[in-house]
Each structure stands twice: as C-alpha cells, then as structure tokens.
Amino acid sequence: MKPLPLTPALLAVAQRVVWFKEPAEALADPVHFLAHVMTYGAVEDLRALQGVVGLEEFREVLEHAPPGVFDPRSWAYWNLKCGRVPTPPLPTRFGILPVQPRP
C-alpha cells in the first residue's frame, strides 16, 4: 500500500483513532491505521480520507487485516461495502477462533 501523507487532517484522525501511538507513527503503517479508522472512525474521519484512500485500499486492509482490530460488526460492514461476499472469518491471533454470535 502506498504511504499516507502527513497532512494536518490525517494526523488529527490518527490522534483520535490510534490514541496509543504518535500520529506520524500511526500513519507510517497504513494498513494498521486504516483498520483502526474502519473500526473506530467517525464519518468525519472517513471524510478526511476522501481523495487519499479509496475502495482499493480498504480492500487491501481487509486482505491484510491485523488480528484483534476489527469487531464483528465493522468487519461485516466493510466486507459488504467492498464487495467481499460472503464475508470471510475475522482474522484471529494464535489460531483462536472467534466466538460466533447467537442467532
């Protein structure tokens, strides 16, 4: 994935959604940063990404999603939005299977 620019708008998004890293450090890992935006971001955060990131980059994030970032709802939404149907299983750590929701 191409590097993300260090614009004031993206630095502000990074500070909000990847609060445990310095903003420039968060933007240095685009897949991790975008996974956090896709899970924890607000509409304003997605607006800040317009013109910088598109569906191709969001699909790449889903293909290489870091385990433990996405929640089931965000995972289902973004897979549907990116045309990945049926939705693949959430990425897991250490081979631990996620808990399946009850019907």
PDB file of N, CA and C in Angstrom:
ATOM      1  N   MET A   1       0.850  -1.172   0.000  1.00  0.00           N
ATOM      2  CA  MET A   1       0.000   0.000   0.000  1.00  0.00           C
ATOM      3  C   MET A   1       0.895   1.234   0.000  1.00  0.00           C
ATOM      4  N   LYS A   2       0.423   2.247  -0.712  1.00  0.00           N
ATOM      5  CA  LYS A   2       1.196   3.484  -0.790  1.00  0.00           C
ATOM      6  C   LYS A   2       1.205   4.195   0.565  1.00  0.00           C
ATOM      7  N   PRO A   3       2.282   4.920   0.852  1.00  0.00           N
ATOM      8  CA  PRO A   3       2.326   5.672   2.125  1.00  0.00           C
ATOM      9  C   PRO A   3       1.246   6.753   2.145  1.00  0.00           C
ATOM     10  N   LEU A   4       0.788   7.065   3.345  1.00  0.00           N
ATOM     11  CA  LEU A   4      -0.210   8.117   3.518  1.00  0.00           C
ATOM     12  C   LEU A   4       0.495   9.443   3.799  1.00  0.00           C
ATOM     13  N   PRO A   5      -0.045  10.548   3.265  1.00  0.00           N
ATOM     14  CA  PRO A   5       0.578  11.851   3.509  1.00  0.00           C
ATOM     15  C   PRO A   5       0.371  12.309   4.951  1.00  0.00           C
ATOM     16  N   LEU A   6       1.315  13.058   5.447  1.00  0.00           N
ATOM     17  CA  LEU A   6       1.231  13.580   6.820  1.00  0.00           C
ATOM     18  C   LEU A   6       0.537  14.940   6.808  1.00  0.00           C
ATOM     19  N   THR A   7      -0.730  14.934   6.407  1.00  0.00           N
ATOM     20  CA  THR A   7      -1.495  16.178   6.378  1.00  0.00           C
ATOM     21  C   THR A   7      -2.060  16.453   7.771  1.00  0.00           C
ATOM     22  N   PRO A   8      -2.364  17.706   8.068  1.00  0.00           N
ATOM     23  CA  PRO A   8      -2.974  18.009   9.368  1.00  0.00           C
ATOM     24  C   PRO A   8      -4.261  17.213   9.616  1.00  0.00           C
ATOM     25  N   ALA A   9      -5.076  17.032   8.578  1.00  0.00           N
ATOM     26  CA  ALA A   9      -6.340  16.299   8.749  1.00  0.00           C
ATOM     27  C   ALA A   9      -6.079  14.835   9.105  1.00  0.00           C
ATOM     28  N   LEU A  10      -5.152  14.180   8.407  1.00  0.00           N
ATOM     29  CA  LEU A  10      -4.865  12.770   8.706  1.00  0.00           C
ATOM     30  C   LEU A  10      -4.157  12.607  10.041  1.00  0.00           C
ATOM     31  N   LEU A  11      -3.315  13.550  10.398  1.00  0.00           N
ATOM     32  CA  LEU A  11      -2.668  13.499  11.712  1.00  0.00           C
ATOM     33  C   LEU A  11      -3.708  13.610  12.829  1.00  0.00           C
ATOM     34  N   ALA A  12      -4.721  14.448  12.617  1.00  0.00           N
ATOM     35  CA  ALA A  12      -5.791  14.583  13.620  1.00  0.00           C
ATOM     36  C   ALA A  12      -6.594  13.291  13.731  1.00  0.00           C
ATOM     37  N   VAL A  13      -6.880  12.645  12.588  1.00  0.00           N
ATOM     38  CA  VAL A  13      -7.597  11.366  12.617  1.00  0.00           C
ATOM     39  C   VAL A  13      -6.743  10.330  13.346  1.00  0.00           C
ATOM     40  N   ALA A  14      -5.467  10.274  13.027  1.00  0.00           N
ATOM     41  CA  ALA A  14      -4.575   9.302  13.672  1.00  0.00           C
ATOM     42  C   ALA A  14      -4.542   9.503  15.178  1.00  0.00           C
ATOM     43  N   GLN A  15      -4.534  10.733  15.616  1.00  0.00           N
ATOM     44  CA  GLN A  15      -4.503  11.013  17.053  1.00  0.00           C
ATOM     45  C   GLN A  15      -5.764  10.499  17.745  1.00  0.00           C
ATOM     46  N   ARG A  16      -6.913  10.584  17.046  1.00  0.00           N
ATOM     47  CA  ARG A  16      -8.172  10.125  17.632  1.00  0.00           C
ATOM     48  C   ARG A  16      -8.320   8.610  17.629  1.00  0.00           C
ATOM     49  N   VAL A  17      -8.006   7.968  16.491  1.00  0.00           N
ATOM     50  CA  VAL A  17      -8.332   6.540  16.371  1.00  0.00           C
ATOM     51  C   VAL A  17      -7.195   5.597  16.758  1.00  0.00           C
ATOM     52  N   VAL A  18      -5.969   6.084  16.738  1.00  0.00           N
ATOM     53  CA  VAL A  18      -4.817   5.272  17.171  1.00  0.00           C
ATOM     54  C   VAL A  18      -4.147   6.048  18.303  1.00  0.00           C
ATOM     55  N   TRP A  19      -4.883   6.181  19.392  1.00  0.00           N
ATOM     56  CA  TRP A  19      -4.505   7.040  20.517  1.00  0.00           C
ATOM     57  C   TRP A  19      -3.240   6.567  21.232  1.00  0.00           C
ATOM     58  N   PHE A  20      -2.841   5.335  21.041  1.00  0.00           N
ATOM     59  CA  PHE A  20      -1.710   4.762  21.760  1.00  0.00           C
ATOM     60  C   PHE A  20      -0.388   4.933  21.027  1.00  0.00           C
ATOM     61  N   LYS A  21      -0.396   5.612  19.882  1.00  0.00           N
ATOM     62  CA  LYS A  21       0.822   5.898  19.122  1.00  0.00           C
ATOM     63  C   LYS A  21       0.850   7.383  18.775  1.00  0.00           C
ATOM     64  N   GLU A  22       2.032   7.863  18.497  1.00  0.00           N
ATOM     65  CA  GLU A  22       2.145   9.215  17.962  1.00  0.00           C
ATOM     66  C   GLU A  22       1.498   9.224  16.576  1.00  0.00           C
ATOM     67  N   PRO A  23       0.818  10.308  16.192  1.00  0.00           N
ATOM     68  CA  PRO A  23       0.117  10.328  14.904  1.00  0.00           C
ATOM     69  C   PRO A  23       0.990   9.978  13.693  1.00  0.00           C
ATOM     70  N   ALA A  24       2.182  10.523  13.616  1.00  0.00           N
ATOM     71  CA  ALA A  24       3.057  10.221  12.479  1.00  0.00           C
ATOM     72  C   ALA A  24       3.440   8.742  12.463  1.00  0.00           C
ATOM     73  N   GLU A  25       3.640   8.169  13.628  1.00  0.00           N
ATOM     74  CA  GLU A  25       3.960   6.740  13.724  1.00  0.00           C
ATOM     75  C   GLU A  25       2.765   5.902  13.261  1.00  0.00           C
ATOM     76  N   ALA A  26       1.558   6.303  13.620  1.00  0.00           N
ATOM     77  CA  ALA A  26       0.354   5.576  13.200  1.00  0.00           C
ATOM     78  C   ALA A  26       0.200   5.620  11.683  1.00  0.00           C
ATOM     79  N   LEU A  27       0.444   6.779  11.079  1.00  0.00           N
ATOM     80  CA  LEU A  27       0.314   6.907   9.628  1.00  0.00           C
ATOM     81  C   LEU A  27       1.401   6.148   8.876  1.00  0.00           C
ATOM     82  N   ALA A  28       2.508   5.844   9.531  1.00  0.00           N
ATOM     83  CA  ALA A  28       3.603   5.108   8.889  1.00  0.00           C
ATOM     84  C   ALA A  28       3.215   3.663   8.577  1.00  0.00           C
ATOM     85  N   ASP A  29       2.183   3.148   9.219  1.00  0.00           N
ATOM     86  CA  ASP A  29       1.687   1.795   8.960  1.00  0.00           C
ATOM     87  C   ASP A  29       0.255   1.923   8.440  1.00  0.00           C
ATOM     88  N   PRO A  30       0.096   2.155   7.117  1.00  0.00           N
ATOM     89  CA  PRO A  30      -1.230   2.450   6.575  1.00  0.00           C
ATOM     90  C   PRO A  30      -2.279   1.370   6.826  1.00  0.00           C
ATOM     91  N   VAL A  31      -1.907   0.093   6.751  1.00  0.00           N
ATOM     92  CA  VAL A  31      -2.890  -0.973   6.951  1.00  0.00           C
ATOM     93  C   VAL A  31      -3.422  -0.940   8.383  1.00  0.00           C
ATOM     94  N   HIS A  32      -2.542  -0.811   9.351  1.00  0.00           N
ATOM     95  CA  HIS A  32      -2.949  -0.761  10.757  1.00  0.00           C
ATOM     96  C   HIS A  32      -3.789   0.492  11.029  1.00  0.00           C
ATOM     97  N   PHE A  33      -3.335   1.625  10.517  1.00  0.00           N
ATOM     98  CA  PHE A  33      -4.057   2.885  10.699  1.00  0.00           C
ATOM     99  C   PHE A  33      -5.461   2.795  10.098  1.00  0.00           C
ATOM    100  N   LEU A  34      -5.554   2.342   8.843  1.00  0.00           N
ATOM    101  CA  LEU A  34      -6.861   2.278   8.192  1.00  0.00           C
ATOM    102  C   LEU A  34      -7.771   1.259   8.850  1.00  0.00           C
ATOM    103  N   ALA A  35      -7.232   0.161   9.351  1.00  0.00           N
ATOM    104  CA  ALA A  35      -8.059  -0.812  10.079  1.00  0.00           C
ATOM    105  C   ALA A  35      -8.695  -0.147  11.299  1.00  0.00           C
ATOM    106  N   HIS A  36      -7.926   0.705  11.990  1.00  0.00           N
ATOM    107  CA  HIS A  36      -8.479   1.416  13.146  1.00  0.00           C
ATOM    108  C   HIS A  36      -9.540   2.428  12.716  1.00  0.00           C
ATOM    109  N   VAL A  37      -9.307   3.121  11.608  1.00  0.00           N
ATOM    110  CA  VAL A  37     -10.312   4.070  11.122  1.00  0.00           C
ATOM    111  C   VAL A  37     -11.583   3.318  10.740  1.00  0.00           C
ATOM    112  N   MET A  38     -11.433   2.175  10.078  1.00  0.00           N
ATOM    113  CA  MET A  38     -12.585   1.392   9.631  1.00  0.00           C
ATOM    114  C   MET A  38     -13.380   0.835  10.819  1.00  0.00           C
ATOM    115  N   THR A  39     -12.732   0.664  11.949  1.00  0.00           N
ATOM    116  CA  THR A  39     -13.403   0.121  13.129  1.00  0.00           C
ATOM    117  C   THR A  39     -13.883   1.221  14.076  1.00  0.00           C
ATOM    118  N   TYR A  40     -13.042   2.197  14.343  1.00  0.00           N
ATOM    119  CA  TYR A  40     -13.336   3.204  15.370  1.00  0.00           C
ATOM    120  C   TYR A  40     -13.633   4.597  14.822  1.00  0.00           C
ATOM    121  N   GLY A  41     -13.437   4.800  13.522  1.00  0.00           N
ATOM    122  CA  GLY A  41     -13.580   6.133  12.947  1.00  0.00           C
ATOM    123  C   GLY A  41     -15.022   6.603  12.849  1.00  0.00           C
ATOM    124  N   ALA A  42     -15.165   7.901  12.867  1.00  0.00           N
ATOM    125  CA  ALA A  42     -16.461   8.552  12.684  1.00  0.00           C
ATOM    126  C   ALA A  42     -16.572   9.003  11.223  1.00  0.00           C
ATOM    127  N   VAL A  43     -17.736   9.487  10.855  1.00  0.00           N
ATOM    128  CA  VAL A  43     -17.960   9.962   9.488  1.00  0.00           C
ATOM    129  C   VAL A  43     -16.932  11.038   9.127  1.00  0.00           C
ATOM    130  N   GLU A  44     -16.611  11.908  10.063  1.00  0.00           N
ATOM    131  CA  GLU A  44     -15.640  12.983   9.804  1.00  0.00           C
ATOM    132  C   GLU A  44     -14.259  12.405   9.487  1.00  0.00           C
ATOM    133  N   ASP A  45     -13.924  11.305  10.147  1.00  0.00           N
ATOM    134  CA  ASP A  45     -12.630  10.672   9.893  1.00  0.00           C
ATOM    135  C   ASP A  45     -12.581  10.099   8.478  1.00  0.00           C
ATOM    136  N   LEU A  46     -13.685   9.494   8.050  1.00  0.00           N
ATOM    137  CA  LEU A  46     -13.744   8.961   6.681  1.00  0.00           C
ATOM    138  C   LEU A  46     -13.711  10.086   5.653  1.00  0.00           C
ATOM    139  N   ARG A  47     -14.321  11.217   5.975  1.00  0.00           N
ATOM    140  CA  ARG A  47     -14.267  12.376   5.067  1.00  0.00           C
ATOM    141  C   ARG A  47     -12.827  12.853   4.892  1.00  0.00           C
ATOM    142  N   ALA A  48     -12.047  12.809   5.944  1.00  0.00           N
ATOM    143  CA  ALA A  48     -10.649  13.239   5.863  1.00  0.00           C
ATOM    144  C   ALA A  48      -9.840  12.338   4.934  1.00  0.00           C
ATOM    145  N   LEU A  49     -10.310  11.113   4.738  1.00  0.00           N
ATOM    146  CA  LEU A  49      -9.604  10.162   3.867  1.00  0.00           C
ATOM    147  C   LEU A  49     -10.008  10.282   2.402  1.00  0.00           C
ATOM    148  N   GLN A  50     -11.103  10.992   2.115  1.00  0.00           N
ATOM    149  CA  GLN A  50     -11.565  11.125   0.733  1.00  0.00           C
ATOM    150  C   GLN A  50     -10.469  11.744  -0.130  1.00  0.00           C
ATOM    151  N   GLY A  51     -10.273  11.159  -1.294  1.00  0.00           N
ATOM    152  CA  GLY A  51      -9.252  11.645  -2.210  1.00  0.00           C
ATOM    153  C   GLY A  51      -7.872  11.088  -1.913  1.00  0.00           C
ATOM    154  N   VAL A  52      -7.719  10.462  -0.759  1.00  0.00           N
ATOM    155  CA  VAL A  52      -6.430   9.865  -0.381  1.00  0.00           C
ATOM    156  C   VAL A  52      -6.533   8.346  -0.428  1.00  0.00           C
ATOM    157  N   VAL A  53      -7.651   7.830   0.037  1.00  0.00           N
ATOM    158  CA  VAL A  53      -7.879   6.387   0.141  1.00  0.00           C
ATOM    159  C   VAL A  53      -9.221   6.061  -0.506  1.00  0.00           C
ATOM    160  N   GLY A  54      -9.245   4.964  -1.258  1.00  0.00           N
ATOM    161  CA  GLY A  54     -10.485   4.530  -1.904  1.00  0.00           C
ATOM    162  C   GLY A  54     -10.778   3.072  -1.598  1.00  0.00           C
ATOM    163  N   LEU A  55     -11.756   2.515  -2.303  1.00  0.00           N
ATOM    164  CA  LEU A  55     -12.167   1.129  -2.060  1.00  0.00           C
ATOM    165  C   LEU A  55     -11.019   0.146  -2.253  1.00  0.00           C
ATOM    166  N   GLU A  56     -10.127   0.414  -3.182  1.00  0.00           N
ATOM    167  CA  GLU A  56      -8.986  -0.488  -3.403  1.00  0.00           C
ATOM    168  C   GLU A  56      -8.132  -0.611  -2.141  1.00  0.00           C
ATOM    169  N   GLU A  57      -7.866   0.505  -1.490  1.00  0.00           N
ATOM    170  CA  GLU A  57      -7.073   0.474  -0.252  1.00  0.00           C
ATOM    171  C   GLU A  57      -7.845  -0.195   0.884  1.00  0.00           C
ATOM    172  N   PHE A  58      -9.145   0.075   0.975  1.00  0.00           N
ATOM    173  CA  PHE A  58      -9.942  -0.581   2.016  1.00  0.00           C
ATOM    174  C   PHE A  58      -9.962  -2.097   1.811  1.00  0.00           C
ATOM    175  N   ARG A  59     -10.054  -2.538   0.549  1.00  0.00           N
ATOM    176  CA  ARG A  59      -9.992  -3.982   0.267  1.00  0.00           C
ATOM    177  C   ARG A  59      -8.645  -4.559   0.689  1.00  0.00           C
ATOM    178  N   GLU A  60      -7.579  -3.823   0.414  1.00  0.00           N
ATOM    179  CA  GLU A  60      -6.244  -4.292   0.805  1.00  0.00           C
ATOM    180  C   GLU A  60      -6.146  -4.427   2.324  1.00  0.00           C
ATOM    181  N   VAL A  61      -6.732  -3.492   3.055  1.00  0.00           N
ATOM    182  CA  VAL A  61      -6.733  -3.580   4.514  1.00  0.00           C
ATOM    183  C   VAL A  61      -7.456  -4.849   4.959  1.00  0.00           C
ATOM    184  N   LEU A  62      -8.588  -5.147   4.330  1.00  0.00           N
ATOM    185  CA  LEU A  62      -9.325  -6.354   4.690  1.00  0.00           C
ATOM    186  C   LEU A  62      -8.521  -7.618   4.383  1.00  0.00           C
ATOM    187  N   GLU A  63      -7.779  -7.602   3.289  1.00  0.00           N
ATOM    188  CA  GLU A  63      -6.951  -8.759   2.915  1.00  0.00           C
ATOM    189  C   GLU A  63      -5.814  -8.984   3.916  1.00  0.00           C
ATOM    190  N   HIS A  64      -5.314  -7.903   4.505  1.00  0.00           N
ATOM    191  CA  HIS A  64      -4.156  -7.975   5.405  1.00  0.00           C
ATOM    192  C   HIS A  64      -4.484  -7.440   6.795  1.00  0.00           C
ATOM    193  N   ALA A  65      -5.734  -7.590   7.205  1.00  0.00           N
ATOM    194  CA  ALA A  65      -6.193  -7.012   8.471  1.00  0.00           C
ATOM    195  C   ALA A  65      -5.434  -7.573   9.666  1.00  0.00           C
ATOM    196  N   PRO A  66      -4.961  -6.685  10.540  1.00  0.00           N
ATOM    197  CA  PRO A  66      -4.289  -7.157  11.750  1.00  0.00           C
ATOM    198  C   PRO A  66      -5.300  -7.807  12.695  1.00  0.00           C
ATOM    199  N   PRO A  67      -4.974  -8.953  13.257  1.00  0.00           N
ATOM    200  CA  PRO A  67      -5.893  -9.606  14.198  1.00  0.00           C
ATOM    201  C   PRO A  67      -6.176  -8.718  15.400  1.00  0.00           C
ATOM    202  N   GLY A  68      -7.405  -8.749  15.866  1.00  0.00           N
ATOM    203  CA  GLY A  68      -7.764  -8.043  17.088  1.00  0.00           C
ATOM    204  C   GLY A  68      -8.201  -6.607  16.915  1.00  0.00           C
ATOM    205  N   VAL A  69      -8.177  -6.073  15.696  1.00  0.00           N
ATOM    206  CA  VAL A  69      -8.586  -4.682  15.499  1.00  0.00           C
ATOM    207  C   VAL A  69     -10.072  -4.594  15.159  1.00  0.00           C
ATOM    208  N   PHE A  70     -10.517  -5.354  14.194  1.00  0.00           N
ATOM    209  CA  PHE A  70     -11.914  -5.287  13.767  1.00  0.00           C
ATOM    210  C   PHE A  70     -12.834  -5.985  14.759  1.00  0.00           C
ATOM    211  N   ASP A  71     -14.000  -5.384  14.987  1.00  0.00           N
ATOM    212  CA  ASP A  71     -15.063  -6.067  15.719  1.00  0.00           C
ATOM    213  C   ASP A  71     -15.973  -6.710  14.666  1.00  0.00           C
ATOM    214  N   PRO A  72     -16.819  -7.664  15.060  1.00  0.00           N
ATOM    215  CA  PRO A  72     -17.647  -8.359  14.065  1.00  0.00           C
ATOM    216  C   PRO A  72     -18.528  -7.432  13.210  1.00  0.00           C
ATOM    217  N   ARG A  73     -19.086  -6.414  13.826  1.00  0.00           N
ATOM    218  CA  ARG A  73     -19.975  -5.510  13.080  1.00  0.00           C
ATOM    219  C   ARG A  73     -19.215  -4.722  12.010  1.00  0.00           C
ATOM    220  N   SER A  74     -18.068  -4.154  12.376  1.00  0.00           N
ATOM    221  CA  SER A  74     -17.261  -3.394  11.416  1.00  0.00           C
ATOM    222  C   SER A  74     -16.731  -4.307  10.320  1.00  0.00           C
ATOM    223  N   TRP A  75     -16.318  -5.502  10.693  1.00  0.00           N
ATOM    224  CA  TRP A  75     -15.803  -6.480   9.727  1.00  0.00           C
ATOM    225  C   TRP A  75     -16.886  -6.812   8.692  1.00  0.00           C
ATOM    226  N   ALA A  76     -18.090  -7.069   9.153  1.00  0.00           N
ATOM    227  CA  ALA A  76     -19.192  -7.396   8.239  1.00  0.00           C
ATOM    228  C   ALA A  76     -19.514  -6.206   7.334  1.00  0.00           C
ATOM    229  N   TYR A  77     -19.583  -5.008   7.908  1.00  0.00           N
ATOM    230  CA  TYR A  77     -19.916  -3.804   7.133  1.00  0.00           C
ATOM    231  C   TYR A  77     -18.904  -3.566   6.020  1.00  0.00           C
ATOM    232  N   TRP A  78     -17.617  -3.536   6.371  1.00  0.00           N
ATOM    233  CA  TRP A  78     -16.599  -3.196   5.383  1.00  0.00           C
ATOM    234  C   TRP A  78     -16.437  -4.275   4.323  1.00  0.00           C
ATOM    235  N   ASN A  79     -16.603  -5.534   4.693  1.00  0.00           N
ATOM    236  CA  ASN A  79     -16.554  -6.587   3.686  1.00  0.00           C
ATOM    237  C   ASN A  79     -17.705  -6.442   2.702  1.00  0.00           C
ATOM    238  N   LEU A  80     -18.891  -6.128   3.198  1.00  0.00           N
ATOM    239  CA  LEU A  80     -20.039  -5.912   2.324  1.00  0.00           C
ATOM    240  C   LEU A  80     -19.805  -4.698   1.434  1.00  0.00           C
ATOM    241  N   LYS A  81     -19.351  -3.607   2.026  1.00  0.00           N
ATOM    242  CA  LYS A  81     -19.097  -2.370   1.274  1.00  0.00           C
ATOM    243  C   LYS A  81     -18.062  -2.581   0.167  1.00  0.00           C
ATOM    244  N   CYS A  82     -17.086  -3.447   0.426  1.00  0.00           N
ATOM    245  CA  CYS A  82     -16.010  -3.701  -0.541  1.00  0.00           C
ATOM    246  C   CYS A  82     -16.313  -4.874  -1.470  1.00  0.00           C
ATOM    247  N   GLY A  83     -17.533  -5.425  -1.371  1.00  0.00           N
ATOM    248  CA  GLY A  83     -17.932  -6.479  -2.276  1.00  0.00           C
ATOM    249  C   GLY A  83     -17.358  -7.849  -1.962  1.00  0.00           C
ATOM    250  N   ARG A  84     -16.929  -8.050  -0.736  1.00  0.00           N
ATOM    251  CA  ARG A  84     -16.387  -9.356  -0.335  1.00  0.00           C
ATOM    252  C   ARG A  84     -17.509 -10.168   0.306  1.00  0.00           C
ATOM    253  N   VAL A  85     -18.276 -10.849  -0.558  1.00  0.00           N
ATOM    254  CA  VAL A  85     -19.423 -11.631  -0.101  1.00  0.00           C
ATOM    255  C   VAL A  85     -19.232 -13.051  -0.604  1.00  0.00           C
ATOM    256  N   PRO A  86     -19.356 -14.045   0.246  1.00  0.00           N
ATOM    257  CA  PRO A  86     -19.672 -13.962   1.668  1.00  0.00           C
ATOM    258  C   PRO A  86     -18.486 -13.421   2.462  1.00  0.00           C
ATOM    259  N   THR A  87     -18.792 -12.879   3.611  1.00  0.00           N
ATOM    260  CA  THR A  87     -17.762 -12.312   4.471  1.00  0.00           C
ATOM    261  C   THR A  87     -16.864 -13.410   5.019  1.00  0.00           C
ATOM    262  N   PRO A  88     -15.547 -13.274   4.831  1.00  0.00           N
ATOM    263  CA  PRO A  88     -14.643 -14.268   5.409  1.00  0.00           C
ATOM    264  C   PRO A  88     -14.587 -14.134   6.929  1.00  0.00           C
ATOM    265  N   PRO A  89     -14.053 -15.146   7.615  1.00  0.00           N
ATOM    266  CA  PRO A  89     -13.939 -15.054   9.074  1.00  0.00           C
ATOM    267  C   PRO A  89     -13.017 -13.904   9.491  1.00  0.00           C
ATOM    268  N   LEU A  90     -13.283 -13.374  10.667  1.00  0.00           N
ATOM    269  CA  LEU A  90     -12.403 -12.346  11.237  1.00  0.00           C
ATOM    270  C   LEU A  90     -10.990 -12.898  11.399  1.00  0.00           C
ATOM    271  N   PRO A  91      -9.976 -12.065  11.196  1.00  0.00           N
ATOM    272  CA  PRO A  91      -8.613 -12.511  11.482  1.00  0.00           C
ATOM    273  C   PRO A  91      -8.467 -12.803  12.979  1.00  0.00           C
ATOM    274  N   THR A  92      -7.741 -13.843  13.301  1.00  0.00           N
ATOM    275  CA  THR A  92      -7.567 -14.222  14.699  1.00  0.00           C
ATOM    276  C   THR A  92      -6.095 -14.292  15.054  1.00  0.00           C
ATOM    277  N   ARG A  93      -5.824 -14.227  16.333  1.00  0.00           N
ATOM    278  CA  ARG A  93      -4.459 -14.379  16.860  1.00  0.00           C
ATOM    279  C   ARG A  93      -4.268 -15.819  17.301  1.00  0.00           C
ATOM    280  N   PHE A  94      -3.125 -16.360  17.027  1.00  0.00           N
ATOM    281  CA  PHE A  94      -2.719 -17.658  17.571  1.00  0.00           C
ATOM    282  C   PHE A  94      -3.719 -18.762  17.266  1.00  0.00           C
ATOM    283  N   GLY A  95      -4.448 -18.656  16.183  1.00  0.00           N
ATOM    284  CA  GLY A  95      -5.372 -19.717  15.802  1.00  0.00           C
ATOM    285  C   GLY A  95      -6.611 -19.841  16.667  1.00  0.00           C
ATOM    286  N   ILE A  96      -6.877 -18.853  17.531  1.00  0.00           N
ATOM    287  CA  ILE A  96      -8.058 -18.900  18.379  1.00  0.00           C
ATOM    288  C   ILE A  96      -9.257 -18.457  17.548  1.00  0.00           C
ATOM    289  N   LEU A  97     -10.286 -19.273  17.530  1.00  0.00           N
ATOM    290  CA  LEU A  97     -11.468 -18.936  16.757  1.00  0.00           C
ATOM    291  C   LEU A  97     -12.327 -17.915  17.489  1.00  0.00           C
ATOM    292  N   PRO A  98     -12.914 -16.974  16.744  1.00  0.00           N
ATOM    293  CA  PRO A  98     -13.784 -16.001  17.397  1.00  0.00           C
ATOM    294  C   PRO A  98     -15.078 -16.656  17.875  1.00  0.00           C
ATOM    295  N   VAL A  99     -15.689 -16.056  18.852  1.00  0.00           N
ATOM    296  CA  VAL A  99     -16.970 -16.531  19.368  1.00  0.00           C
ATOM    297  C   VAL A  99     -18.024 -16.184  18.324  1.00  0.00           C
ATOM    298  N   GLN A 100     -18.835 -17.168  17.956  1.00  0.00           N
ATOM    299  CA  GLN A 100     -19.890 -16.940  16.983  1.00  0.00           C
ATOM    300  C   GLN A 100     -21.116 -16.346  17.674  1.00  0.00           C
ATOM    301  N   PRO A 101     -21.723 -15.320  17.076  1.00  0.00           N
ATOM    302  CA  PRO A 101     -22.929 -14.742  17.683  1.00  0.00           C
ATOM    303  C   PRO A 101     -24.078 -15.736  17.630  1.00  0.00           C
ATOM    304  N   ARG A 102     -24.958 -15.622  18.590  1.00  0.00           N
ATOM    305  CA  ARG A 102     -26.144 -16.487  18.620  1.00  0.00           C
ATOM    306  C   ARG A 102     -27.160 -15.983  17.614  1.00  0.00           C
ATOM    307  N   PRO A 103     -27.909 -16.914  17.010  1.00  0.00           N
ATOM    308  CA  PRO A 103     -28.929 -16.491  16.020  1.00  0.00           C
ATOM    309  C   PRO A 103     -30.042 -15.699  16.649  1.00  0.00           C
TER     310      PRO A 103
END
